[in-house]
Amino acid sequence: MLESAYQHCLARELSLRGIPFERERALRYRVDLLVAGVVLVEGKAVEVLCPIHTAQVLTYLRLGGW
């Protein structure tokens, strides 16, 4: 499935449980989900995580000050 489908389902679950979150939070780039202002969620629909995926999340963490 597409990453957006997983993102939508996770957002729905968070809503049902009353957990605050933001979708596609804009920094310089767009973070998939920011949960409770402190947990960054970057969904990937891939078989293997590559170093570029790690670099992407580390960049988001630096830009967001987390």
PDB file of N, CA and C in Angstrom:
ATOM      1  N   MET A   1       0.833  -1.175   0.000  1.00  0.00           N
ATOM      2  CA  MET A   1       0.000   0.000   0.000  1.00  0.00           C
ATOM      3  C   MET A   1       0.886   1.250   0.000  1.00  0.00           C
ATOM      4  N   LEU A   2       0.292   2.362  -0.320  1.00  0.00           N
ATOM      5  CA  LEU A   2       1.007   3.627  -0.323  1.00  0.00           C
ATOM      6  C   LEU A   2       1.220   4.133   1.099  1.00  0.00           C
ATOM      7  N   GLU A   3       2.283   4.890   1.287  1.00  0.00           N
ATOM      8  CA  GLU A   3       2.565   5.471   2.596  1.00  0.00           C
ATOM      9  C   GLU A   3       1.385   6.287   3.093  1.00  0.00           C
ATOM     10  N   SER A   4       0.726   6.990   2.187  1.00  0.00           N
ATOM     11  CA  SER A   4      -0.392   7.850   2.589  1.00  0.00           C
ATOM     12  C   SER A   4      -1.539   7.039   3.206  1.00  0.00           C
ATOM     13  N   ALA A   5      -1.737   5.815   2.756  1.00  0.00           N
ATOM     14  CA  ALA A   5      -2.795   4.967   3.320  1.00  0.00           C
ATOM     15  C   ALA A   5      -2.463   4.593   4.764  1.00  0.00           C
ATOM     16  N   TYR A   6      -1.219   4.235   5.016  1.00  0.00           N
ATOM     17  CA  TYR A   6      -0.797   3.915   6.385  1.00  0.00           C
ATOM     18  C   TYR A   6      -0.889   5.154   7.277  1.00  0.00           C
ATOM     19  N   GLN A   7      -0.504   6.281   6.734  1.00  0.00           N
ATOM     20  CA  GLN A   7      -0.559   7.536   7.483  1.00  0.00           C
ATOM     21  C   GLN A   7      -2.004   7.862   7.869  1.00  0.00           C
ATOM     22  N   HIS A   8      -2.902   7.691   6.932  1.00  0.00           N
ATOM     23  CA  HIS A   8      -4.322   7.959   7.190  1.00  0.00           C
ATOM     24  C   HIS A   8      -4.849   7.044   8.299  1.00  0.00           C
ATOM     25  N   CYS A   9      -4.521   5.761   8.231  1.00  0.00           N
ATOM     26  CA  CYS A   9      -4.987   4.802   9.242  1.00  0.00           C
ATOM     27  C   CYS A   9      -4.425   5.127  10.621  1.00  0.00           C
ATOM     28  N   LEU A  10      -3.143   5.474  10.693  1.00  0.00           N
ATOM     29  CA  LEU A  10      -2.543   5.827  11.974  1.00  0.00           C
ATOM     30  C   LEU A  10      -3.183   7.092  12.539  1.00  0.00           C
ATOM     31  N   ALA A  11      -3.439   8.061  11.684  1.00  0.00           N
ATOM     32  CA  ALA A  11      -4.098   9.288  12.130  1.00  0.00           C
ATOM     33  C   ALA A  11      -5.487   8.981  12.691  1.00  0.00           C
ATOM     34  N   ARG A  12      -6.192   8.089  12.047  1.00  0.00           N
ATOM     35  CA  ARG A  12      -7.531   7.700  12.524  1.00  0.00           C
ATOM     36  C   ARG A  12      -7.450   7.051  13.906  1.00  0.00           C
ATOM     37  N   GLU A  13      -6.491   6.152  14.086  1.00  0.00           N
ATOM     38  CA  GLU A  13      -6.317   5.488  15.387  1.00  0.00           C
ATOM     39  C   GLU A  13      -5.972   6.495  16.476  1.00  0.00           C
ATOM     40  N   LEU A  14      -5.082   7.425  16.157  1.00  0.00           N
ATOM     41  CA  LEU A  14      -4.722   8.447  17.139  1.00  0.00           C
ATOM     42  C   LEU A  14      -5.941   9.285  17.509  1.00  0.00           C
ATOM     43  N   SER A  15      -6.754   9.627  16.520  1.00  0.00           N
ATOM     44  CA  SER A  15      -7.979  10.400  16.776  1.00  0.00           C
ATOM     45  C   SER A  15      -8.941   9.645  17.680  1.00  0.00           C
ATOM     46  N   LEU A  16      -9.141   8.371  17.382  1.00  0.00           N
ATOM     47  CA  LEU A  16     -10.057   7.549  18.175  1.00  0.00           C
ATOM     48  C   LEU A  16      -9.609   7.446  19.629  1.00  0.00           C
ATOM     49  N   ARG A  17      -8.307   7.479  19.843  1.00  0.00           N
ATOM     50  CA  ARG A  17      -7.765   7.351  21.196  1.00  0.00           C
ATOM     51  C   ARG A  17      -7.558   8.697  21.889  1.00  0.00           C
ATOM     52  N   GLY A  18      -7.898   9.776  21.191  1.00  0.00           N
ATOM     53  CA  GLY A  18      -7.776  11.102  21.788  1.00  0.00           C
ATOM     54  C   GLY A  18      -6.341  11.581  21.949  1.00  0.00           C
ATOM     55  N   ILE A  19      -5.446  11.067  21.129  1.00  0.00           N
ATOM     56  CA  ILE A  19      -4.034  11.456  21.200  1.00  0.00           C
ATOM     57  C   ILE A  19      -3.807  12.603  20.218  1.00  0.00           C
ATOM     58  N   PRO A  20      -3.298  13.723  20.700  1.00  0.00           N
ATOM     59  CA  PRO A  20      -3.099  14.873  19.804  1.00  0.00           C
ATOM     60  C   PRO A  20      -1.980  14.619  18.795  1.00  0.00           C
ATOM     61  N   PHE A  21      -2.188  15.098  17.571  1.00  0.00           N
ATOM     62  CA  PHE A  21      -1.181  14.932  16.526  1.00  0.00           C
ATOM     63  C   PHE A  21      -1.398  15.978  15.447  1.00  0.00           C
ATOM     64  N   GLU A  22      -0.365  16.188  14.655  1.00  0.00           N
ATOM     65  CA  GLU A  22      -0.442  17.052  13.479  1.00  0.00           C
ATOM     66  C   GLU A  22      -0.014  16.231  12.280  1.00  0.00           C
ATOM     67  N   ARG A  23      -0.738  16.345  11.176  1.00  0.00           N
ATOM     68  CA  ARG A  23      -0.348  15.680   9.931  1.00  0.00           C
ATOM     69  C   ARG A  23       0.394  16.653   9.043  1.00  0.00           C
ATOM     70  N   GLU A  24       1.418  16.149   8.406  1.00  0.00           N
ATOM     71  CA  GLU A  24       2.210  16.916   7.448  1.00  0.00           C
ATOM     72  C   GLU A  24       2.636  18.267   8.009  1.00  0.00           C
ATOM     73  N   ARG A  25       3.228  18.217   9.176  1.00  0.00           N
ATOM     74  CA  ARG A  25       3.756  19.429   9.826  1.00  0.00           C
ATOM     75  C   ARG A  25       4.882  20.001   8.967  1.00  0.00           C
ATOM     76  N   ALA A  26       4.782  21.258   8.636  1.00  0.00           N
ATOM     77  CA  ALA A  26       5.785  21.897   7.784  1.00  0.00           C
ATOM     78  C   ALA A  26       6.944  22.401   8.626  1.00  0.00           C
ATOM     79  N   LEU A  27       8.116  21.936   8.293  1.00  0.00           N
ATOM     80  CA  LEU A  27       9.347  22.523   8.804  1.00  0.00           C
ATOM     81  C   LEU A  27       9.930  23.187   7.570  1.00  0.00           C
ATOM     82  N   ARG A  28      11.032  22.703   7.110  1.00  0.00           N
ATOM     83  CA  ARG A  28      11.485  23.049   5.760  1.00  0.00           C
ATOM     84  C   ARG A  28      10.887  22.034   4.801  1.00  0.00           C
ATOM     85  N   TYR A  29      10.668  20.861   5.333  1.00  0.00           N
ATOM     86  CA  TYR A  29      10.041  19.756   4.613  1.00  0.00           C
ATOM     87  C   TYR A  29       8.783  19.394   5.374  1.00  0.00           C
ATOM     88  N   ARG A  30       8.060  18.377   4.931  1.00  0.00           N
ATOM     89  CA  ARG A  30       6.828  17.989   5.618  1.00  0.00           C
ATOM     90  C   ARG A  30       7.014  16.688   6.395  1.00  0.00           C
ATOM     91  N   VAL A  31       6.816  16.769   7.694  1.00  0.00           N
ATOM     92  CA  VAL A  31       6.874  15.605   8.571  1.00  0.00           C
ATOM     93  C   VAL A  31       5.532  14.889   8.459  1.00  0.00           C
ATOM     94  N   ASP A  32       5.543  13.555   8.315  1.00  0.00           N
ATOM     95  CA  ASP A  32       4.286  12.817   8.166  1.00  0.00           C
ATOM     96  C   ASP A  32       3.353  13.078   9.341  1.00  0.00           C
ATOM     97  N   LEU A  33       3.802  12.758  10.539  1.00  0.00           N
ATOM     98  CA  LEU A  33       2.990  12.979  11.739  1.00  0.00           C
ATOM     99  C   LEU A  33       3.872  13.463  12.880  1.00  0.00           C
ATOM    100  N   LEU A  34       3.348  14.373  13.642  1.00  0.00           N
ATOM    101  CA  LEU A  34       3.994  14.786  14.881  1.00  0.00           C
ATOM    102  C   LEU A  34       2.976  14.520  15.978  1.00  0.00           C
ATOM    103  N   VAL A  35       3.296  13.579  16.854  1.00  0.00           N
ATOM    104  CA  VAL A  35       2.363  13.129  17.886  1.00  0.00           C
ATOM    105  C   VAL A  35       2.680  13.826  19.202  1.00  0.00           C
ATOM    106  N   ALA A  36       1.666  14.452  19.762  1.00  0.00           N
ATOM    107  CA  ALA A  36       1.766  15.142  21.052  1.00  0.00           C
ATOM    108  C   ALA A  36       2.901  16.163  21.080  1.00  0.00           C
ATOM    109  N   GLY A  37       3.283  16.662  19.918  1.00  0.00           N
ATOM    110  CA  GLY A  37       4.316  17.679  19.845  1.00  0.00           C
ATOM    111  C   GLY A  37       5.730  17.200  20.065  1.00  0.00           C
ATOM    112  N   VAL A  38       5.906  15.881  20.309  1.00  0.00           N
ATOM    113  CA  VAL A  38       7.248  15.393  20.627  1.00  0.00           C
ATOM    114  C   VAL A  38       7.670  14.104  19.916  1.00  0.00           C
ATOM    115  N   VAL A  39       6.744  13.374  19.343  1.00  0.00           N
ATOM    116  CA  VAL A  39       7.096  12.110  18.681  1.00  0.00           C
ATOM    117  C   VAL A  39       6.934  12.280  17.175  1.00  0.00           C
ATOM    118  N   LEU A  40       8.046  12.157  16.473  1.00  0.00           N
ATOM    119  CA  LEU A  40       8.051  12.283  15.024  1.00  0.00           C
ATOM    120  C   LEU A  40       7.785  10.915  14.396  1.00  0.00           C
ATOM    121  N   VAL A  41       6.824  10.845  13.496  1.00  0.00           N
ATOM    122  CA  VAL A  41       6.530   9.599  12.784  1.00  0.00           C
ATOM    123  C   VAL A  41       6.701   9.859  11.295  1.00  0.00           C
ATOM    124  N   GLU A  42       7.633   9.160  10.690  1.00  0.00           N
ATOM    125  CA  GLU A  42       7.874   9.262   9.250  1.00  0.00           C
ATOM    126  C   GLU A  42       7.642   7.869   8.681  1.00  0.00           C
ATOM    127  N   GLY A  43       6.487   7.662   8.064  1.00  0.00           N
ATOM    128  CA  GLY A  43       6.131   6.350   7.547  1.00  0.00           C
ATOM    129  C   GLY A  43       6.854   6.026   6.253  1.00  0.00           C
ATOM    130  N   LYS A  44       7.232   4.771   6.129  1.00  0.00           N
ATOM    131  CA  LYS A  44       7.885   4.290   4.911  1.00  0.00           C
ATOM    132  C   LYS A  44       7.235   2.974   4.502  1.00  0.00           C
ATOM    133  N   ALA A  45       6.849   2.876   3.247  1.00  0.00           N
ATOM    134  CA  ALA A  45       6.287   1.643   2.706  1.00  0.00           C
ATOM    135  C   ALA A  45       7.350   1.010   1.802  1.00  0.00           C
ATOM    136  N   VAL A  46       8.411   0.508   2.448  1.00  0.00           N
ATOM    137  CA  VAL A  46       9.532  -0.097   1.727  1.00  0.00           C
ATOM    138  C   VAL A  46       9.881  -1.423   2.388  1.00  0.00           C
ATOM    139  N   GLU A  47      10.591  -2.269   1.665  1.00  0.00           N
ATOM    140  CA  GLU A  47      11.016  -3.543   2.239  1.00  0.00           C
ATOM    141  C   GLU A  47      12.217  -3.380   3.154  1.00  0.00           C
ATOM    142  N   VAL A  48      13.094  -2.431   2.830  1.00  0.00           N
ATOM    143  CA  VAL A  48      14.315  -2.219   3.603  1.00  0.00           C
ATOM    144  C   VAL A  48      14.536  -0.718   3.793  1.00  0.00           C
ATOM    145  N   LEU A  49      14.842  -0.337   5.023  1.00  0.00           N
ATOM    146  CA  LEU A  49      15.193   1.062   5.271  1.00  0.00           C
ATOM    147  C   LEU A  49      16.628   1.294   4.807  1.00  0.00           C
ATOM    148  N   CYS A  50      16.829   2.370   4.104  1.00  0.00           N
ATOM    149  CA  CYS A  50      18.141   2.727   3.566  1.00  0.00           C
ATOM    150  C   CYS A  50      18.724   3.889   4.368  1.00  0.00           C
ATOM    151  N   PRO A  51      20.022   4.106   4.241  1.00  0.00           N
ATOM    152  CA  PRO A  51      20.641   5.235   4.957  1.00  0.00           C
ATOM    153  C   PRO A  51      19.977   6.583   4.663  1.00  0.00           C
ATOM    154  N   ILE A  52      19.447   6.768   3.476  1.00  0.00           N
ATOM    155  CA  ILE A  52      18.777   8.029   3.144  1.00  0.00           C
ATOM    156  C   ILE A  52      17.533   8.246   4.004  1.00  0.00           C
ATOM    157  N   HIS A  53      16.853   7.163   4.375  1.00  0.00           N
ATOM    158  CA  HIS A  53      15.674   7.268   5.233  1.00  0.00           C
ATOM    159  C   HIS A  53      16.077   7.733   6.629  1.00  0.00           C
ATOM    160  N   THR A  54      17.174   7.186   7.137  1.00  0.00           N
ATOM    161  CA  THR A  54      17.688   7.605   8.441  1.00  0.00           C
ATOM    162  C   THR A  54      18.106   9.069   8.396  1.00  0.00           C
ATOM    163  N   ALA A  55      18.795   9.446   7.339  1.00  0.00           N
ATOM    164  CA  ALA A  55      19.234  10.837   7.184  1.00  0.00           C
ATOM    165  C   ALA A  55      18.035  11.781   7.142  1.00  0.00           C
ATOM    166  N   GLN A  56      16.964  11.359   6.490  1.00  0.00           N
ATOM    167  CA  GLN A  56      15.757  12.184   6.399  1.00  0.00           C
ATOM    168  C   GLN A  56      15.184  12.451   7.788  1.00  0.00           C
ATOM    169  N   VAL A  57      15.051  11.406   8.594  1.00  0.00           N
ATOM    170  CA  VAL A  57      14.486  11.569   9.933  1.00  0.00           C
ATOM    171  C   VAL A  57      15.412  12.406  10.815  1.00  0.00           C
ATOM    172  N   LEU A  58      16.709  12.181  10.726  1.00  0.00           N
ATOM    173  CA  LEU A  58      17.648  12.985  11.513  1.00  0.00           C
ATOM    174  C   LEU A  58      17.572  14.457  11.130  1.00  0.00           C
ATOM    175  N   THR A  59      17.391  14.731   9.852  1.00  0.00           N
ATOM    176  CA  THR A  59      17.230  16.113   9.401  1.00  0.00           C
ATOM    177  C   THR A  59      15.972  16.731   9.993  1.00  0.00           C
ATOM    178  N   TYR A  60      14.869  15.985   9.971  1.00  0.00           N
ATOM    179  CA  TYR A  60      13.624  16.484  10.552  1.00  0.00           C
ATOM    180  C   TYR A  60      13.791  16.772  12.044  1.00  0.00           C
ATOM    181  N   LEU A  61      14.481  15.881  12.754  1.00  0.00           N
ATOM    182  CA  LEU A  61      14.687  16.065  14.176  1.00  0.00           C
ATOM    183  C   LEU A  61      15.509  17.321  14.450  1.00  0.00           C
ATOM    184  N   ARG A  62      16.538  17.540  13.645  1.00  0.00           N
ATOM    185  CA  ARG A  62      17.367  18.745  13.820  1.00  0.00           C
ATOM    186  C   ARG A  62      16.561  20.004  13.510  1.00  0.00           C
ATOM    187  N   LEU A  63      15.843  20.000  12.392  1.00  0.00           N
ATOM    188  CA  LEU A  63      15.063  21.182  12.012  1.00  0.00           C
ATOM    189  C   LEU A  63      13.980  21.519  13.023  1.00  0.00           C
ATOM    190  N   GLY A  64      13.401  20.491  13.615  1.00  0.00           N
ATOM    191  CA  GLY A  64      12.337  20.708  14.597  1.00  0.00           C
ATOM    192  C   GLY A  64      12.839  20.983  15.996  1.00  0.00           C
ATOM    193  N   GLY A  65      14.132  20.840  16.197  1.00  0.00           N
ATOM    194  CA  GLY A  65      14.691  21.059  17.533  1.00  0.00           C
ATOM    195  C   GLY A  65      14.415  19.940  18.510  1.00  0.00           C
ATOM    196  N   TRP A  66      14.207  18.740  17.981  1.00  0.00           N
ATOM    197  CA  TRP A  66      13.952  17.589  18.844  1.00  0.00           C
ATOM    198  C   TRP A  66      15.202  16.781  19.025  1.00  0.00           C
TER     199      TRP A  66
END
